């Protein structure tokens, strides 16, 4: 014998769905207003000028970084030239 348990929460389910739909509409309108604003356009124009956050330097090999920090030690920075130059 198969029984299906039903709950009498159809009113609360419908209310929850209505609330969710209203929130979705509110968020959609907010996003539309944001992307159509001049501030958004200015931010995109500024961001387009920065092609790389690393300044063109390649990312370090993560294994080398991990090896440098193994055992809790802090790796020494390589000096770029003679001291005092």
Protein backbone atom coordinates (compact mmCIF):
# COMPACT_ATOMS: atom_id res chain seq x y z
CA UNK A 1 0.00 0.00 0.00
CA UNK A 2 1.45 3.32 -1.09
CA UNK A 3 0.63 6.51 0.75
CA UNK A 4 1.62 10.02 -0.16
CA UNK A 5 1.94 12.53 2.61
CA UNK A 6 0.44 15.87 1.68
CA UNK A 7 0.65 19.05 3.63
CA UNK A 8 -1.93 21.74 3.79
CA UNK A 9 0.65 24.43 3.07
CA UNK A 10 -0.42 25.31 -0.46
CA UNK A 11 -1.35 28.83 0.65
CA UNK A 12 2.06 29.38 2.24
CA UNK A 13 3.79 27.82 -0.79
CA UNK A 14 1.93 30.17 -3.12
CA UNK A 15 2.73 33.13 -0.85
CA UNK A 16 6.40 32.11 -0.84
CA UNK A 17 6.43 31.84 -4.62
CA UNK A 18 4.77 35.26 -4.92
CA UNK A 19 7.35 36.77 -2.58
CA UNK A 20 10.17 35.13 -4.53
CA UNK A 21 8.77 36.45 -7.82
CA UNK A 22 8.50 39.97 -6.35
CA UNK A 23 12.10 39.82 -5.10
CA UNK A 24 13.28 38.56 -8.47
CA UNK A 25 11.53 41.44 -10.20
CA UNK A 26 13.03 43.95 -7.76
CA UNK A 27 16.55 42.59 -8.29
CA UNK A 28 16.09 42.54 -12.08
CA UNK A 29 15.00 46.18 -12.07
CA UNK A 30 17.91 47.16 -9.84
CA UNK A 31 20.45 45.44 -12.08
CA UNK A 32 18.91 47.03 -15.18
CA UNK A 33 19.14 50.48 -13.55
CA UNK A 34 22.76 49.83 -12.56
CA UNK A 35 24.01 48.74 -15.97
CA UNK A 36 22.24 51.60 -17.71
CA UNK A 37 23.74 54.25 -15.41
CA UNK A 38 26.59 56.60 -16.31
CA UNK A 39 28.55 55.47 -13.26
CA UNK A 40 28.60 51.89 -14.54
CA UNK A 41 29.77 53.07 -17.97
CA UNK A 42 32.53 55.17 -16.38
CA UNK A 43 33.69 52.20 -14.29
CA UNK A 44 33.84 49.96 -17.37
CA UNK A 45 35.79 52.60 -19.30
CA UNK A 46 38.29 52.88 -16.44
CA UNK A 47 38.58 49.10 -16.02
CA UNK A 48 39.23 48.69 -19.75
CA UNK A 49 42.43 50.70 -19.35
CA UNK A 50 43.89 48.06 -17.00
CA UNK A 51 44.58 44.98 -19.08
CA UNK A 52 46.32 43.05 -16.32
CA UNK A 53 46.44 43.53 -12.57
CA UNK A 54 49.93 42.01 -12.48
CA UNK A 55 51.53 44.70 -14.62
CA UNK A 56 52.50 42.23 -17.33
CA UNK A 57 54.54 40.02 -14.99
CA UNK A 58 53.85 36.29 -15.24
CA UNK A 59 52.21 34.65 -12.25
CA UNK A 60 54.65 32.72 -10.03
CA UNK A 61 54.57 28.95 -10.16
CA UNK A 62 52.42 27.89 -7.22
CA UNK A 63 54.63 24.86 -6.52
CA UNK A 64 57.68 27.10 -6.20
CA UNK A 65 55.81 29.42 -3.88
CA UNK A 66 54.65 26.48 -1.76
CA UNK A 67 58.18 25.05 -1.61
CA UNK A 68 59.54 28.44 -0.50
CA UNK A 69 57.07 28.50 2.38
CA UNK A 70 57.42 24.87 3.42
CA UNK A 71 58.02 24.19 7.08
CA UNK A 72 56.60 27.57 8.07
CA UNK A 73 59.67 29.51 6.98
CA UNK A 74 59.58 32.80 5.12
CA UNK A 75 61.65 32.77 1.92
CA UNK A 76 64.37 35.36 1.43
CA UNK A 77 63.81 37.92 -1.30
CA UNK A 78 66.40 37.90 -4.05
CA UNK A 79 68.31 41.16 -4.32
CA UNK A 80 68.29 42.78 -7.73
CA UNK A 81 71.79 44.21 -7.60
CA UNK A 82 74.73 45.10 -5.37
CA UNK A 83 73.88 46.83 -2.13
CA UNK A 84 74.22 50.59 -2.20
CA UNK A 85 74.06 50.80 -5.98
